[in-house]
Amino acid sequence: QVQLVESGGGLVQPGGSMRLSCAASGFTFRIRAMSWYRQAPGKERDLVATITPAGGSTNYADSVKGRFTISRDNAKNTLYLQMNSLKPEDTAVYYCNARISLSNYWGQGTQVTVSS
């Protein structure tokens, strides 16, 4: 079955950096576009970034453009999110997402807290 397992979250100071990883299994990772979403307390889950199957094209939410970079390693079935210049408003649970045959699959999420 499809499994997405995020890791790499934690506490970081404003202005700091963090890299999230998402290990994927149970489907053909290299042919699927992948995304990162985030959900802050009391808010809806929002799209952060998307990457095409071969990694040649990416898209970002305006709030993270120039600070976050989505990437993937198809040989390792792993999705990444490099987050730089972190702000307190980036605090959220971050989720890895795969859309397969009109169904959305999610990981369990990883908490990112940006605070001094």
N, C-alpha and C. Protein backbone atom coordinates (compact mmCIF):
# COMPACT_ATOMS: atom_id res chain seq x y z
N GLN A 1 0.84 -1.18 0.00
CA GLN A 1 0.00 0.00 0.00
C GLN A 1 0.89 1.25 0.00
N VAL A 2 0.28 2.36 -0.38
CA VAL A 2 1.03 3.62 -0.44
C VAL A 2 1.43 4.04 0.97
N GLN A 3 2.70 4.36 1.12
CA GLN A 3 3.19 4.90 2.40
C GLN A 3 4.05 6.12 2.14
N LEU A 4 3.81 7.15 2.91
CA LEU A 4 4.60 8.38 2.87
C LEU A 4 5.02 8.69 4.30
N VAL A 5 6.31 8.77 4.55
CA VAL A 5 6.81 8.98 5.90
C VAL A 5 7.71 10.21 5.93
N GLU A 6 7.22 11.26 6.58
CA GLU A 6 7.99 12.49 6.68
C GLU A 6 8.94 12.45 7.86
N SER A 7 10.03 13.19 7.73
CA SER A 7 10.99 13.33 8.83
C SER A 7 11.72 14.66 8.69
N GLY A 8 12.41 15.06 9.75
CA GLY A 8 13.25 16.25 9.68
C GLY A 8 12.70 17.48 10.35
N GLY A 9 11.50 17.42 10.90
CA GLY A 9 10.93 18.58 11.57
C GLY A 9 11.55 18.82 12.93
N GLY A 10 11.13 19.90 13.57
CA GLY A 10 11.65 20.23 14.90
C GLY A 10 11.53 21.70 15.18
N LEU A 11 12.34 22.16 16.12
CA LEU A 11 12.34 23.57 16.52
C LEU A 11 13.54 24.27 15.91
N VAL A 12 13.30 25.44 15.32
CA VAL A 12 14.38 26.21 14.71
C VAL A 12 14.13 27.68 15.00
N GLN A 13 15.19 28.45 15.11
CA GLN A 13 15.06 29.88 15.36
C GLN A 13 14.71 30.63 14.07
N PRO A 14 14.06 31.77 14.20
CA PRO A 14 13.79 32.58 13.00
C PRO A 14 15.09 32.88 12.25
N GLY A 15 15.00 32.77 10.93
CA GLY A 15 16.18 32.95 10.09
C GLY A 15 16.96 31.68 9.84
N GLY A 16 16.61 30.62 10.54
CA GLY A 16 17.32 29.36 10.40
C GLY A 16 16.84 28.55 9.21
N SER A 17 17.44 27.36 9.08
CA SER A 17 17.14 26.46 7.96
C SER A 17 16.79 25.07 8.48
N MET A 18 16.08 24.35 7.64
CA MET A 18 15.69 22.98 7.99
C MET A 18 15.38 22.24 6.69
N ARG A 19 15.67 20.94 6.66
CA ARG A 19 15.33 20.13 5.50
C ARG A 19 14.41 19.00 5.91
N LEU A 20 13.28 18.93 5.25
CA LEU A 20 12.33 17.84 5.47
C LEU A 20 12.54 16.77 4.40
N SER A 21 12.28 15.53 4.79
CA SER A 21 12.34 14.41 3.85
C SER A 21 11.03 13.65 3.91
N CYS A 22 10.71 12.99 2.81
CA CYS A 22 9.52 12.15 2.73
C CYS A 22 9.92 10.88 1.99
N ALA A 23 9.92 9.77 2.70
CA ALA A 23 10.24 8.48 2.10
C ALA A 23 8.95 7.85 1.58
N ALA A 24 8.95 7.52 0.29
CA ALA A 24 7.75 7.01 -0.36
C ALA A 24 7.91 5.53 -0.70
N SER A 25 6.81 4.79 -0.61
CA SER A 25 6.81 3.37 -0.99
C SER A 25 5.40 2.96 -1.37
N GLY A 26 5.32 1.82 -2.06
CA GLY A 26 4.01 1.28 -2.42
C GLY A 26 3.45 1.78 -3.73
N PHE A 27 4.20 2.60 -4.44
CA PHE A 27 3.77 3.08 -5.75
C PHE A 27 5.02 3.45 -6.55
N THR A 28 4.82 3.71 -7.85
CA THR A 28 5.95 4.04 -8.72
C THR A 28 6.25 5.52 -8.57
N PHE A 29 7.13 5.83 -7.65
CA PHE A 29 7.43 7.22 -7.27
C PHE A 29 7.86 8.06 -8.46
N ARG A 30 8.68 7.51 -9.33
CA ARG A 30 9.31 8.32 -10.37
C ARG A 30 8.34 8.84 -11.42
N ILE A 31 7.11 8.33 -11.45
CA ILE A 31 6.16 8.79 -12.46
C ILE A 31 5.09 9.72 -11.87
N ARG A 32 5.22 10.05 -10.58
CA ARG A 32 4.20 10.85 -9.92
C ARG A 32 4.72 12.23 -9.54
N ALA A 33 3.91 13.26 -9.85
CA ALA A 33 4.18 14.56 -9.27
C ALA A 33 3.98 14.45 -7.76
N MET A 34 4.75 15.21 -7.02
CA MET A 34 4.69 15.17 -5.56
C MET A 34 4.57 16.60 -5.01
N SER A 35 4.01 16.69 -3.83
CA SER A 35 3.79 18.01 -3.24
C SER A 35 4.06 18.01 -1.75
N TRP A 36 4.34 19.19 -1.24
CA TRP A 36 4.36 19.45 0.21
C TRP A 36 3.20 20.40 0.53
N TYR A 37 2.50 20.09 1.60
CA TYR A 37 1.46 20.94 2.15
C TYR A 37 1.85 21.27 3.60
N ARG A 38 1.16 22.26 4.15
CA ARG A 38 1.33 22.55 5.57
C ARG A 38 0.01 23.01 6.17
N GLN A 39 -0.12 22.76 7.46
CA GLN A 39 -1.33 23.15 8.18
C GLN A 39 -0.95 23.75 9.52
N ALA A 40 -1.27 25.01 9.69
CA ALA A 40 -1.03 25.69 10.96
C ALA A 40 -2.25 25.49 11.86
N PRO A 41 -2.09 25.64 13.17
CA PRO A 41 -3.21 25.45 14.08
C PRO A 41 -4.39 26.35 13.73
N GLY A 42 -5.57 25.74 13.62
CA GLY A 42 -6.77 26.51 13.34
C GLY A 42 -6.93 26.95 11.90
N LYS A 43 -6.04 26.49 11.03
CA LYS A 43 -6.11 26.91 9.63
C LYS A 43 -6.25 25.69 8.72
N GLU A 44 -6.58 25.96 7.46
CA GLU A 44 -6.71 24.89 6.49
C GLU A 44 -5.33 24.42 6.03
N ARG A 45 -5.32 23.23 5.45
CA ARG A 45 -4.08 22.70 4.89
C ARG A 45 -3.82 23.39 3.55
N ASP A 46 -2.66 23.97 3.40
CA ASP A 46 -2.32 24.75 2.21
C ASP A 46 -1.17 24.13 1.43
N LEU A 47 -1.23 24.27 0.12
CA LEU A 47 -0.16 23.79 -0.74
C LEU A 47 1.07 24.67 -0.58
N VAL A 48 2.22 24.05 -0.41
CA VAL A 48 3.48 24.77 -0.27
C VAL A 48 4.28 24.71 -1.56
N ALA A 49 4.44 23.50 -2.12
CA ALA A 49 5.27 23.35 -3.31
C ALA A 49 4.94 22.04 -4.01
N THR A 50 5.14 22.03 -5.33
CA THR A 50 4.90 20.85 -6.14
C THR A 50 6.09 20.64 -7.08
N ILE A 51 6.38 19.39 -7.37
CA ILE A 51 7.47 19.05 -8.30
C ILE A 51 6.98 17.98 -9.27
N THR A 52 7.36 18.12 -10.54
CA THR A 52 6.98 17.16 -11.56
C THR A 52 7.74 15.85 -11.39
N PRO A 53 7.31 14.78 -12.07
CA PRO A 53 7.93 13.47 -11.85
C PRO A 53 9.45 13.42 -12.03
N ALA A 54 9.95 14.07 -13.06
CA ALA A 54 11.40 14.04 -13.30
C ALA A 54 12.12 15.17 -12.57
N GLY A 55 11.36 16.02 -11.91
CA GLY A 55 11.97 17.12 -11.17
C GLY A 55 12.31 18.33 -11.99
N GLY A 56 11.87 18.36 -13.24
CA GLY A 56 12.24 19.47 -14.11
C GLY A 56 11.46 20.74 -13.91
N SER A 57 10.34 20.65 -13.21
CA SER A 57 9.51 21.84 -13.00
C SER A 57 8.98 21.85 -11.58
N THR A 58 8.99 23.04 -10.99
CA THR A 58 8.51 23.20 -9.62
C THR A 58 7.60 24.42 -9.54
N ASN A 59 6.72 24.41 -8.54
CA ASN A 59 5.86 25.55 -8.28
C ASN A 59 5.78 25.76 -6.78
N TYR A 60 5.66 27.03 -6.38
CA TYR A 60 5.66 27.37 -4.96
C TYR A 60 4.54 28.33 -4.61
N ALA A 61 4.09 28.23 -3.39
CA ALA A 61 3.20 29.25 -2.87
C ALA A 61 3.97 30.57 -2.78
N ASP A 62 3.26 31.67 -2.98
CA ASP A 62 3.92 32.97 -2.95
C ASP A 62 4.64 33.21 -1.61
N SER A 63 4.07 32.68 -0.55
CA SER A 63 4.62 32.93 0.79
C SER A 63 5.99 32.29 1.02
N VAL A 64 6.36 31.31 0.17
CA VAL A 64 7.63 30.62 0.39
C VAL A 64 8.61 30.77 -0.78
N LYS A 65 8.17 31.43 -1.84
CA LYS A 65 9.05 31.61 -3.01
C LYS A 65 10.35 32.30 -2.62
N GLY A 66 11.45 31.75 -3.13
CA GLY A 66 12.76 32.32 -2.83
C GLY A 66 13.36 31.85 -1.52
N ARG A 67 12.57 31.15 -0.71
CA ARG A 67 13.07 30.65 0.59
C ARG A 67 13.07 29.13 0.65
N PHE A 68 12.09 28.49 0.03
CA PHE A 68 11.96 27.03 0.07
C PHE A 68 12.32 26.44 -1.29
N THR A 69 12.87 25.23 -1.26
CA THR A 69 13.18 24.51 -2.48
C THR A 69 12.71 23.07 -2.35
N ILE A 70 11.86 22.65 -3.28
CA ILE A 70 11.41 21.27 -3.33
C ILE A 70 12.30 20.51 -4.30
N SER A 71 12.65 19.28 -3.94
CA SER A 71 13.47 18.44 -4.81
C SER A 71 13.12 16.99 -4.56
N ARG A 72 13.67 16.12 -5.39
CA ARG A 72 13.39 14.70 -5.25
C ARG A 72 14.59 13.89 -5.73
N ASP A 73 14.69 12.67 -5.19
CA ASP A 73 15.68 11.70 -5.62
C ASP A 73 14.91 10.45 -6.01
N ASN A 74 14.68 10.26 -7.29
CA ASN A 74 13.87 9.13 -7.75
C ASN A 74 14.56 7.79 -7.52
N ALA A 75 15.87 7.79 -7.43
CA ALA A 75 16.59 6.55 -7.13
C ALA A 75 16.36 6.11 -5.69
N LYS A 76 16.07 7.07 -4.81
CA LYS A 76 15.85 6.77 -3.40
C LYS A 76 14.38 6.87 -3.00
N ASN A 77 13.51 7.15 -3.96
CA ASN A 77 12.07 7.30 -3.67
C ASN A 77 11.85 8.30 -2.53
N THR A 78 12.53 9.42 -2.61
CA THR A 78 12.48 10.39 -1.52
C THR A 78 12.23 11.79 -2.05
N LEU A 79 11.36 12.50 -1.36
CA LEU A 79 11.02 13.89 -1.64
C LEU A 79 11.63 14.75 -0.55
N TYR A 80 12.08 15.95 -0.93
CA TYR A 80 12.71 16.85 0.04
C TYR A 80 12.06 18.23 0.00
N LEU A 81 12.21 18.95 1.11
CA LEU A 81 11.85 20.36 1.15
C LEU A 81 12.94 21.07 1.95
N GLN A 82 13.74 21.84 1.27
CA GLN A 82 14.75 22.67 1.93
C GLN A 82 14.12 24.01 2.28
N MET A 83 14.16 24.37 3.54
CA MET A 83 13.52 25.60 4.01
C MET A 83 14.59 26.51 4.60
N ASN A 84 14.74 27.68 4.02
CA ASN A 84 15.71 28.66 4.49
C ASN A 84 14.99 29.93 4.93
N SER A 85 15.70 30.76 5.67
CA SER A 85 15.14 32.03 6.15
C SER A 85 13.77 31.83 6.77
N LEU A 86 13.70 30.88 7.66
CA LEU A 86 12.41 30.52 8.25
C LEU A 86 11.86 31.64 9.11
N LYS A 87 10.53 31.75 9.08
CA LYS A 87 9.82 32.79 9.83
C LYS A 87 8.85 32.11 10.80
N PRO A 88 8.46 32.82 11.85
CA PRO A 88 7.48 32.23 12.78
C PRO A 88 6.19 31.79 12.08
N GLU A 89 5.80 32.49 11.03
CA GLU A 89 4.58 32.12 10.33
C GLU A 89 4.73 30.85 9.49
N ASP A 90 5.93 30.31 9.41
CA ASP A 90 6.12 29.01 8.76
C ASP A 90 5.81 27.85 9.71
N THR A 91 5.55 28.16 10.97
CA THR A 91 5.22 27.12 11.94
C THR A 91 3.95 26.38 11.52
N ALA A 92 4.06 25.07 11.41
CA ALA A 92 2.93 24.25 10.93
C ALA A 92 3.34 22.79 10.96
N VAL A 93 2.37 21.93 10.74
CA VAL A 93 2.66 20.53 10.44
C VAL A 93 2.79 20.42 8.93
N TYR A 94 3.88 19.84 8.48
CA TYR A 94 4.16 19.72 7.06
C TYR A 94 3.87 18.29 6.61
N TYR A 95 3.15 18.19 5.49
CA TYR A 95 2.71 16.90 4.97
C TYR A 95 3.23 16.68 3.56
N CYS A 96 3.63 15.47 3.30
CA CYS A 96 3.99 15.01 1.97
C CYS A 96 2.71 14.50 1.30
N ASN A 97 2.57 14.77 0.00
CA ASN A 97 1.35 14.38 -0.70
C ASN A 97 1.67 13.75 -2.05
N ALA A 98 0.93 12.67 -2.34
CA ALA A 98 0.97 12.05 -3.66
C ALA A 98 -0.47 11.91 -4.14
N ARG A 99 -0.70 12.32 -5.40
CA ARG A 99 -2.03 12.16 -5.97
C ARG A 99 -1.95 11.03 -7.00
N ILE A 100 -2.66 9.96 -6.71
CA ILE A 100 -2.57 8.75 -7.53
C ILE A 100 -3.99 8.33 -7.89
N SER A 101 -4.27 8.29 -9.21
CA SER A 101 -5.59 7.85 -9.70
C SER A 101 -6.73 8.57 -9.00
N LEU A 102 -6.65 9.87 -8.96
CA LEU A 102 -7.67 10.75 -8.39
C LEU A 102 -7.80 10.65 -6.87
N SER A 103 -6.92 9.92 -6.23
CA SER A 103 -6.93 9.85 -4.76
C SER A 103 -5.71 10.56 -4.19
N ASN A 104 -5.92 11.22 -3.07
CA ASN A 104 -4.82 11.89 -2.38
C ASN A 104 -4.29 11.00 -1.26
N TYR A 105 -2.97 10.87 -1.20
CA TYR A 105 -2.32 10.12 -0.14
C TYR A 105 -1.44 11.08 0.66
N TRP A 106 -1.47 10.89 1.98
CA TRP A 106 -0.75 11.78 2.89
C TRP A 106 0.14 11.00 3.84
N GLY A 107 1.22 11.64 4.23
CA GLY A 107 2.00 11.11 5.32
C GLY A 107 1.38 11.51 6.65
N GLN A 108 2.07 11.16 7.73
CA GLN A 108 1.54 11.48 9.06
C GLN A 108 1.85 12.91 9.46
N GLY A 109 2.73 13.55 8.73
CA GLY A 109 3.10 14.93 9.00
C GLY A 109 4.29 15.05 9.94
N THR A 110 4.99 16.16 9.83
CA THR A 110 6.10 16.46 10.73
C THR A 110 5.98 17.91 11.18
N GLN A 111 6.12 18.13 12.47
CA GLN A 111 5.92 19.47 13.04
C GLN A 111 7.17 20.32 12.83
N VAL A 112 6.97 21.51 12.32
CA VAL A 112 8.03 22.51 12.22
C VAL A 112 7.61 23.72 13.06
N THR A 113 8.46 24.07 14.01
CA THR A 113 8.18 25.21 14.88
C THR A 113 9.32 26.22 14.75
N VAL A 114 8.96 27.44 14.37
CA VAL A 114 9.96 28.50 14.21
C VAL A 114 9.74 29.50 15.34
N SER A 115 10.67 29.51 16.26
CA SER A 115 10.52 30.35 17.44
C SER A 115 11.87 30.60 18.09
N SER A 116 11.98 31.77 18.71
CA SER A 116 13.19 32.08 19.46
C SER A 116 13.02 31.72 20.93
